[in-house]
Amino acid sequence: MLMNAHYDDTILVIGRVLAIATLLLAPWGIVRTTSTLVRRCLWAVWSLAIVFLTALYLGFLTYHYIGPQFGFSIDGNPMNAWMIALGLLSVVPFIFAASKGGVERPFRRALTVAFGVLVLIGPPLLNSVALNIYTQGGGEFDSGQGDSSGEVLTPIDQESWSFANGIGLLVCNLIPLLIFLTIWLSSKRSNSNSVTIIGEHSDENS
């Protein structure tokens, strides 16, 4: 826990809005600018936005009586849906640029974007998938007894909970992997097509 703020405090609301705007707009600037300095600055703010939202989701920026719960709630964290959607929307400019052949160092670009997406949507995906699989299978949580009742919830069926978490881990790693492959392979295909077209024009001129 780094701060004693609450989720709806002004500073965190402003931070969320700025981070969301950054993740939606910065990628377009990254793929369109021709200035190396501007591109590096945009990568920096893009990374900071991911770190901020992830830290907020995991509970490191807000007060929790029993400490950070790493975004997990048996009622479902309200940040899950919009963080996953935000992460997927933020990669659209990179995929678009890759399909047009406008990506330098495609492997490095694809790896950077995929890692950023993993950090941003990995925890929400893991928590939401694991919770849904566990509860849909009839799994319940033990709220404990005594003075700490209701504060720490323990899965009753540990085997089912482990299985649900395993599926969640698979999903939260699979989506960034697919994003990596999409950007990388699209870039390679576009670059290959560009080389072929240039070679054909050269043959015609000669």
C-alpha atoms as a PDB file:
ATOM      1  CA  MET A   1       0.000   0.000   0.000  1.00  0.00           C
ATOM      2  CA  LEU A   2       1.614   3.196  -1.185  1.00  0.00           C
ATOM      3  CA  MET A   3      -1.205   5.640  -0.487  1.00  0.00           C
ATOM      4  CA  ASN A   4      -4.113   6.042   1.917  1.00  0.00           C
ATOM      5  CA  ALA A   5      -6.452   7.355  -0.778  1.00  0.00           C
ATOM      6  CA  HIS A   6      -9.806   5.895  -1.784  1.00  0.00           C
ATOM      7  CA  TYR A   7     -10.823   4.832  -5.291  1.00  0.00           C
ATOM      8  CA  ASP A   8     -13.129   7.831  -5.841  1.00  0.00           C
ATOM      9  CA  ASP A   9     -10.743  10.465  -4.463  1.00  0.00           C
ATOM     10  CA  THR A  10     -10.179  13.365  -6.851  1.00  0.00           C
ATOM     11  CA  ILE A  11      -6.494  12.649  -7.431  1.00  0.00           C
ATOM     12  CA  LEU A  12      -7.192   9.064  -8.475  1.00  0.00           C
ATOM     13  CA  VAL A  13     -10.174  10.018 -10.635  1.00  0.00           C
ATOM     14  CA  ILE A  14      -8.032  12.543 -12.510  1.00  0.00           C
ATOM     15  CA  GLY A  15      -5.237   9.994 -12.757  1.00  0.00           C
ATOM     16  CA  ARG A  16      -7.609   7.385 -14.229  1.00  0.00           C
ATOM     17  CA  VAL A  17      -8.981   9.804 -16.814  1.00  0.00           C
ATOM     18  CA  LEU A  18      -5.507  10.901 -17.895  1.00  0.00           C
ATOM     19  CA  ALA A  19      -4.235   7.319 -18.031  1.00  0.00           C
ATOM     20  CA  ILE A  20      -7.211   6.144 -20.092  1.00  0.00           C
ATOM     21  CA  ALA A  21      -6.835   9.059 -22.514  1.00  0.00           C
ATOM     22  CA  THR A  22      -3.111   8.346 -22.810  1.00  0.00           C
ATOM     23  CA  LEU A  23      -3.635   4.672 -23.618  1.00  0.00           C
ATOM     24  CA  LEU A  24      -6.205   5.524 -26.277  1.00  0.00           C
ATOM     25  CA  LEU A  25      -4.321   8.396 -27.929  1.00  0.00           C
ATOM     26  CA  ALA A  26      -0.589   7.810 -27.423  1.00  0.00           C
ATOM     27  CA  PRO A  27      -0.437   4.694 -29.645  1.00  0.00           C
ATOM     28  CA  TRP A  28      -1.725   6.693 -32.614  1.00  0.00           C
ATOM     29  CA  GLY A  29       1.022   9.233 -32.055  1.00  0.00           C
ATOM     30  CA  ILE A  30       3.638   6.492 -31.695  1.00  0.00           C
ATOM     31  CA  VAL A  31       2.797   4.911 -35.059  1.00  0.00           C
ATOM     32  CA  ARG A  32       2.402   8.217 -36.929  1.00  0.00           C
ATOM     33  CA  THR A  33       5.194  10.484 -35.698  1.00  0.00           C
ATOM     34  CA  THR A  34       8.497  10.661 -37.566  1.00  0.00           C
ATOM     35  CA  SER A  35      10.346  12.229 -34.640  1.00  0.00           C
ATOM     36  CA  THR A  36      12.390   9.813 -32.542  1.00  0.00           C
ATOM     37  CA  LEU A  37      12.210  12.122 -29.520  1.00  0.00           C
ATOM     38  CA  VAL A  38       8.431  12.454 -29.694  1.00  0.00           C
ATOM     39  CA  ARG A  39       8.065   8.706 -30.124  1.00  0.00           C
ATOM     40  CA  ARG A  40      10.204   8.016 -27.052  1.00  0.00           C
ATOM     41  CA  CYS A  41       8.201  10.500 -24.993  1.00  0.00           C
ATOM     42  CA  LEU A  42       4.953   8.871 -26.090  1.00  0.00           C
ATOM     43  CA  TRP A  43       6.299   5.422 -25.208  1.00  0.00           C
ATOM     44  CA  ALA A  44       7.236   6.775 -21.779  1.00  0.00           C
ATOM     45  CA  VAL A  45       3.779   8.208 -20.997  1.00  0.00           C
ATOM     46  CA  TRP A  46       2.157   5.050 -22.428  1.00  0.00           C
ATOM     47  CA  SER A  47       4.216   2.944 -20.026  1.00  0.00           C
ATOM     48  CA  LEU A  48       3.486   5.230 -17.069  1.00  0.00           C
ATOM     49  CA  ALA A  49      -0.251   5.033 -17.782  1.00  0.00           C
ATOM     50  CA  ILE A  50      -0.089   1.227 -17.717  1.00  0.00           C
ATOM     51  CA  VAL A  51       1.896   1.212 -14.474  1.00  0.00           C
ATOM     52  CA  PHE A  52      -0.533   3.650 -12.825  1.00  0.00           C
ATOM     53  CA  LEU A  53      -3.694   1.727 -13.777  1.00  0.00           C
ATOM     54  CA  THR A  54      -2.156  -1.612 -12.849  1.00  0.00           C
ATOM     55  CA  ALA A  55      -1.014  -0.298  -9.450  1.00  0.00           C
ATOM     56  CA  LEU A  56      -4.495   1.129  -8.871  1.00  0.00           C
ATOM     57  CA  TYR A  57      -6.146  -2.138  -9.826  1.00  0.00           C
ATOM     58  CA  LEU A  58      -3.877  -4.221  -7.608  1.00  0.00           C
ATOM     59  CA  GLY A  59      -4.670  -1.989  -4.640  1.00  0.00           C
ATOM     60  CA  PHE A  60      -1.281  -0.346  -4.125  1.00  0.00           C
ATOM     61  CA  LEU A  61      -2.672   3.184  -4.461  1.00  0.00           C
ATOM     62  CA  THR A  62      -5.726   2.864  -2.228  1.00  0.00           C
ATOM     63  CA  TYR A  63      -6.355   2.085   1.416  1.00  0.00           C
ATOM     64  CA  HIS A  64      -7.348  -1.466   2.414  1.00  0.00           C
ATOM     65  CA  TYR A  65      -7.789  -2.502   6.012  1.00  0.00           C
ATOM     66  CA  ILE A  66      -6.370  -5.984   5.364  1.00  0.00           C
ATOM     67  CA  GLY A  67      -3.900  -4.871   2.700  1.00  0.00           C
ATOM     68  CA  PRO A  68      -4.011  -5.003  -1.100  1.00  0.00           C
ATOM     69  CA  GLN A  69      -6.141  -7.824  -2.517  1.00  0.00           C
ATOM     70  CA  PHE A  70      -4.490  -7.661  -5.956  1.00  0.00           C
ATOM     71  CA  GLY A  71      -7.734  -6.681  -7.626  1.00  0.00           C
ATOM     72  CA  PHE A  72      -9.666  -9.746  -6.526  1.00  0.00           C
ATOM     73  CA  SER A  73     -13.232  -9.536  -5.200  1.00  0.00           C
ATOM     74  CA  ILE A  74     -15.813 -12.293  -4.889  1.00  0.00           C
ATOM     75  CA  ASP A  75     -18.350  -9.799  -6.238  1.00  0.00           C
ATOM     76  CA  GLY A  76     -16.168  -9.046  -9.249  1.00  0.00           C
ATOM     77  CA  ASN A  77     -13.946  -5.988  -9.503  1.00  0.00           C
ATOM     78  CA  PRO A  78     -15.747  -3.208 -11.449  1.00  0.00           C
ATOM     79  CA  MET A  79     -12.414  -2.333 -13.076  1.00  0.00           C
ATOM     80  CA  ASN A  80     -12.170  -5.732 -14.767  1.00  0.00           C
ATOM     81  CA  ALA A  81     -14.361  -5.054 -17.794  1.00  0.00           C
ATOM     82  CA  TRP A  82     -13.140  -1.582 -18.720  1.00  0.00           C
ATOM     83  CA  MET A  83      -9.462  -2.380 -18.167  1.00  0.00           C
ATOM     84  CA  ILE A  84      -9.679  -5.407 -20.468  1.00  0.00           C
ATOM     85  CA  ALA A  85     -11.565  -3.367 -23.086  1.00  0.00           C
ATOM     86  CA  LEU A  86      -9.070  -0.511 -22.758  1.00  0.00           C
ATOM     87  CA  GLY A  87      -6.122  -2.860 -23.207  1.00  0.00           C
ATOM     88  CA  LEU A  88      -7.596  -4.361 -26.363  1.00  0.00           C
ATOM     89  CA  LEU A  89      -8.529  -0.986 -27.844  1.00  0.00           C
ATOM     90  CA  SER A  90      -5.056   0.408 -27.172  1.00  0.00           C
ATOM     91  CA  VAL A  91      -3.418  -2.130 -29.501  1.00  0.00           C
ATOM     92  CA  VAL A  92      -5.591  -1.269 -32.520  1.00  0.00           C
ATOM     93  CA  PRO A  93      -3.206   1.466 -33.801  1.00  0.00           C
ATOM     94  CA  PHE A  94      -0.229  -0.896 -33.579  1.00  0.00           C
ATOM     95  CA  ILE A  95      -2.046  -3.653 -35.489  1.00  0.00           C
ATOM     96  CA  PHE A  96      -3.248  -1.149 -38.086  1.00  0.00           C
ATOM     97  CA  ALA A  97       0.276   0.210 -38.588  1.00  0.00           C
ATOM     98  CA  ALA A  98       1.685  -3.310 -38.809  1.00  0.00           C
ATOM     99  CA  SER A  99      -0.793  -4.263 -41.522  1.00  0.00           C
ATOM    100  CA  LYS A 100       0.273  -1.185 -43.509  1.00  0.00           C
ATOM    101  CA  GLY A 101       3.954  -1.983 -43.153  1.00  0.00           C
ATOM    102  CA  GLY A 102       4.723   1.114 -41.110  1.00  0.00           C
ATOM    103  CA  VAL A 103       6.487  -0.594 -38.196  1.00  0.00           C
ATOM    104  CA  GLU A 104      10.227  -0.405 -37.649  1.00  0.00           C
ATOM    105  CA  ARG A 105      11.791  -3.327 -35.759  1.00  0.00           C
ATOM    106  CA  PRO A 106       8.549  -5.351 -35.810  1.00  0.00           C
ATOM    107  CA  PHE A 107       9.741  -8.007 -33.351  1.00  0.00           C
ATOM    108  CA  ARG A 108      10.765  -5.427 -30.762  1.00  0.00           C
ATOM    109  CA  ARG A 109       7.576  -3.394 -31.277  1.00  0.00           C
ATOM    110  CA  ALA A 110       5.351  -6.471 -31.019  1.00  0.00           C
ATOM    111  CA  LEU A 111       7.145  -7.643 -27.871  1.00  0.00           C
ATOM    112  CA  THR A 112       6.849  -4.230 -26.206  1.00  0.00           C
ATOM    113  CA  VAL A 113       3.144  -3.908 -26.958  1.00  0.00           C
ATOM    114  CA  ALA A 114       2.375  -7.479 -25.899  1.00  0.00           C
ATOM    115  CA  PHE A 115       4.213  -7.038 -22.599  1.00  0.00           C
ATOM    116  CA  GLY A 116       2.361  -3.787 -21.905  1.00  0.00           C
ATOM    117  CA  VAL A 117      -0.953  -5.489 -22.600  1.00  0.00           C
ATOM    118  CA  LEU A 118       0.013  -8.391 -20.338  1.00  0.00           C
ATOM    119  CA  VAL A 119       0.752  -6.020 -17.459  1.00  0.00           C
ATOM    120  CA  LEU A 120      -2.468  -4.065 -18.019  1.00  0.00           C
ATOM    121  CA  ILE A 121      -5.068  -6.769 -18.657  1.00  0.00           C
ATOM    122  CA  GLY A 122      -3.336  -9.800 -17.146  1.00  0.00           C
ATOM    123  CA  PRO A 123      -4.560  -9.330 -13.556  1.00  0.00           C
ATOM    124  CA  PRO A 124      -8.166  -8.416 -14.530  1.00  0.00           C
ATOM    125  CA  LEU A 125      -8.350 -11.367 -16.923  1.00  0.00           C
ATOM    126  CA  LEU A 126      -6.918 -13.761 -14.366  1.00  0.00           C
ATOM    127  CA  ASN A 127      -9.290 -12.632 -11.623  1.00  0.00           C
ATOM    128  CA  SER A 128     -12.429 -12.491 -13.762  1.00  0.00           C
ATOM    129  CA  VAL A 129     -11.850 -15.812 -15.553  1.00  0.00           C
ATOM    130  CA  ALA A 130     -10.878 -17.648 -12.360  1.00  0.00           C
ATOM    131  CA  LEU A 131     -13.838 -16.262 -10.398  1.00  0.00           C
ATOM    132  CA  ASN A 132     -16.351 -17.072 -13.151  1.00  0.00           C
ATOM    133  CA  ILE A 133     -15.107 -20.621 -13.672  1.00  0.00           C
ATOM    134  CA  TYR A 134     -14.993 -21.310  -9.929  1.00  0.00           C
ATOM    135  CA  THR A 135     -18.435 -19.904  -9.121  1.00  0.00           C
ATOM    136  CA  GLN A 136     -20.115 -21.351 -12.234  1.00  0.00           C
ATOM    137  CA  GLY A 137     -18.928 -24.743 -11.059  1.00  0.00           C
ATOM    138  CA  GLY A 138     -20.639 -24.220  -7.713  1.00  0.00           C
ATOM    139  CA  GLY A 139     -17.544 -23.094  -5.823  1.00  0.00           C
ATOM    140  CA  GLU A 140     -18.016 -21.066  -2.654  1.00  0.00           C
ATOM    141  CA  PHE A 141     -15.856 -19.046  -0.282  1.00  0.00           C
ATOM    142  CA  ASP A 142     -15.414 -19.429   3.470  1.00  0.00           C
ATOM    143  CA  SER A 143     -15.712 -16.083   5.261  1.00  0.00           C
ATOM    144  CA  GLY A 144     -14.030 -17.381   8.402  1.00  0.00           C
ATOM    145  CA  GLN A 145     -15.076 -17.046  12.025  1.00  0.00           C
ATOM    146  CA  GLY A 146     -14.564 -14.719  14.949  1.00  0.00           C
ATOM    147  CA  ASP A 147     -13.488 -11.082  14.795  1.00  0.00           C
ATOM    148  CA  SER A 148     -11.972 -11.450  11.300  1.00  0.00           C
ATOM    149  CA  SER A 149     -15.121 -12.998   9.818  1.00  0.00           C
ATOM    150  CA  GLY A 150     -15.791 -11.647   6.336  1.00  0.00           C
ATOM    151  CA  GLU A 151     -12.423  -9.977   5.968  1.00  0.00           C
ATOM    152  CA  VAL A 152     -10.478 -12.843   4.401  1.00  0.00           C
ATOM    153  CA  LEU A 153     -12.421 -15.158   2.085  1.00  0.00           C
ATOM    154  CA  THR A 154     -10.916 -18.592   1.425  1.00  0.00           C
ATOM    155  CA  PRO A 155     -12.038 -20.878  -1.428  1.00  0.00           C
ATOM    156  CA  ILE A 156     -13.666 -23.967   0.044  1.00  0.00           C
ATOM    157  CA  ASP A 157     -12.825 -26.264  -2.896  1.00  0.00           C
ATOM    158  CA  GLN A 158      -9.087 -25.720  -3.294  1.00  0.00           C
ATOM    159  CA  GLU A 159      -8.772 -28.152  -6.203  1.00  0.00           C
ATOM    160  CA  SER A 160     -11.458 -26.362  -8.234  1.00  0.00           C
ATOM    161  CA  TRP A 161      -9.947 -23.002  -7.323  1.00  0.00           C
ATOM    162  CA  SER A 162      -6.508 -24.115  -8.527  1.00  0.00           C
ATOM    163  CA  PHE A 163      -8.015 -25.354 -11.777  1.00  0.00           C
ATOM    164  CA  ALA A 164      -9.875 -22.053 -12.280  1.00  0.00           C
ATOM    165  CA  ASN A 165      -6.682 -20.089 -11.673  1.00  0.00           C
ATOM    166  CA  GLY A 166      -4.830 -22.296 -14.140  1.00  0.00           C
ATOM    167  CA  ILE A 167      -7.364 -21.488 -16.848  1.00  0.00           C
ATOM    168  CA  GLY A 168      -7.168 -17.818 -15.915  1.00  0.00           C
ATOM    169  CA  LEU A 169      -3.374 -17.841 -16.249  1.00  0.00           C
ATOM    170  CA  LEU A 170      -3.660 -19.504 -19.642  1.00  0.00           C
ATOM    171  CA  VAL A 171      -6.113 -16.907 -20.934  1.00  0.00           C
ATOM    172  CA  CYS A 172      -4.244 -13.883 -19.574  1.00  0.00           C
ATOM    173  CA  ASN A 173      -1.042 -15.083 -21.281  1.00  0.00           C
ATOM    174  CA  LEU A 174      -2.684 -16.295 -24.483  1.00  0.00           C
ATOM    175  CA  ILE A 175      -4.207 -12.939 -25.465  1.00  0.00           C
ATOM    176  CA  PRO A 176      -0.910 -10.976 -25.269  1.00  0.00           C
ATOM    177  CA  LEU A 177       0.764 -13.817 -27.192  1.00  0.00           C
ATOM    178  CA  LEU A 178      -1.846 -13.540 -29.952  1.00  0.00           C
ATOM    179  CA  ILE A 179      -1.336  -9.771 -30.036  1.00  0.00           C
ATOM    180  CA  PHE A 180       2.423 -10.273 -30.335  1.00  0.00           C
ATOM    181  CA  LEU A 181       2.030 -12.729 -33.213  1.00  0.00           C
ATOM    182  CA  THR A 182      -0.518 -10.516 -34.983  1.00  0.00           C
ATOM    183  CA  ILE A 183       1.694  -7.423 -34.936  1.00  0.00           C
ATOM    184  CA  TRP A 184       4.904  -9.280 -35.748  1.00  0.00           C
ATOM    185  CA  LEU A 185       3.556 -11.461 -38.553  1.00  0.00           C
ATOM    186  CA  SER A 186       1.501  -8.629 -40.069  1.00  0.00           C
ATOM    187  CA  SER A 187       4.600  -6.442 -40.160  1.00  0.00           C
ATOM    188  CA  LYS A 188       6.700  -9.169 -41.764  1.00  0.00           C
ATOM    189  CA  ARG A 189       4.029  -9.874 -44.366  1.00  0.00           C
ATOM    190  CA  SER A 190       3.582  -6.190 -45.194  1.00  0.00           C
ATOM    191  CA  ASN A 191       7.317  -5.606 -45.458  1.00  0.00           C
ATOM    192  CA  SER A 192       7.692  -8.651 -47.711  1.00  0.00           C
ATOM    193  CA  ASN A 193       4.919  -7.384 -49.973  1.00  0.00           C
ATOM    194  CA  SER A 194       6.547  -3.959 -50.150  1.00  0.00           C
ATOM    195  CA  VAL A 195       9.891  -5.477 -51.167  1.00  0.00           C
ATOM    196  CA  THR A 196       8.188  -7.576 -53.851  1.00  0.00           C
ATOM    197  CA  ILE A 197       6.356  -4.567 -55.298  1.00  0.00           C
ATOM    198  CA  ILE A 198       9.530  -2.486 -55.345  1.00  0.00           C
ATOM    199  CA  GLY A 199      11.383  -5.316 -57.095  1.00  0.00           C
ATOM    200  CA  GLU A 200       8.689  -5.605 -59.746  1.00  0.00           C
ATOM    201  CA  HIS A 201       8.786  -1.876 -60.434  1.00  0.00           C
ATOM    202  CA  SER A 202      12.573  -2.010 -60.754  1.00  0.00           C
ATOM    203  CA  ASP A 203      12.337  -4.835 -63.289  1.00  0.00           C
ATOM    204  CA  GLU A 204       9.775  -2.933 -65.328  1.00  0.00           C
ATOM    205  CA  ASN A 205      11.914   0.220 -65.399  1.00  0.00           C
ATOM    206  CA  SER A 206      14.974  -1.692 -66.478  1.00  0.00           C
END
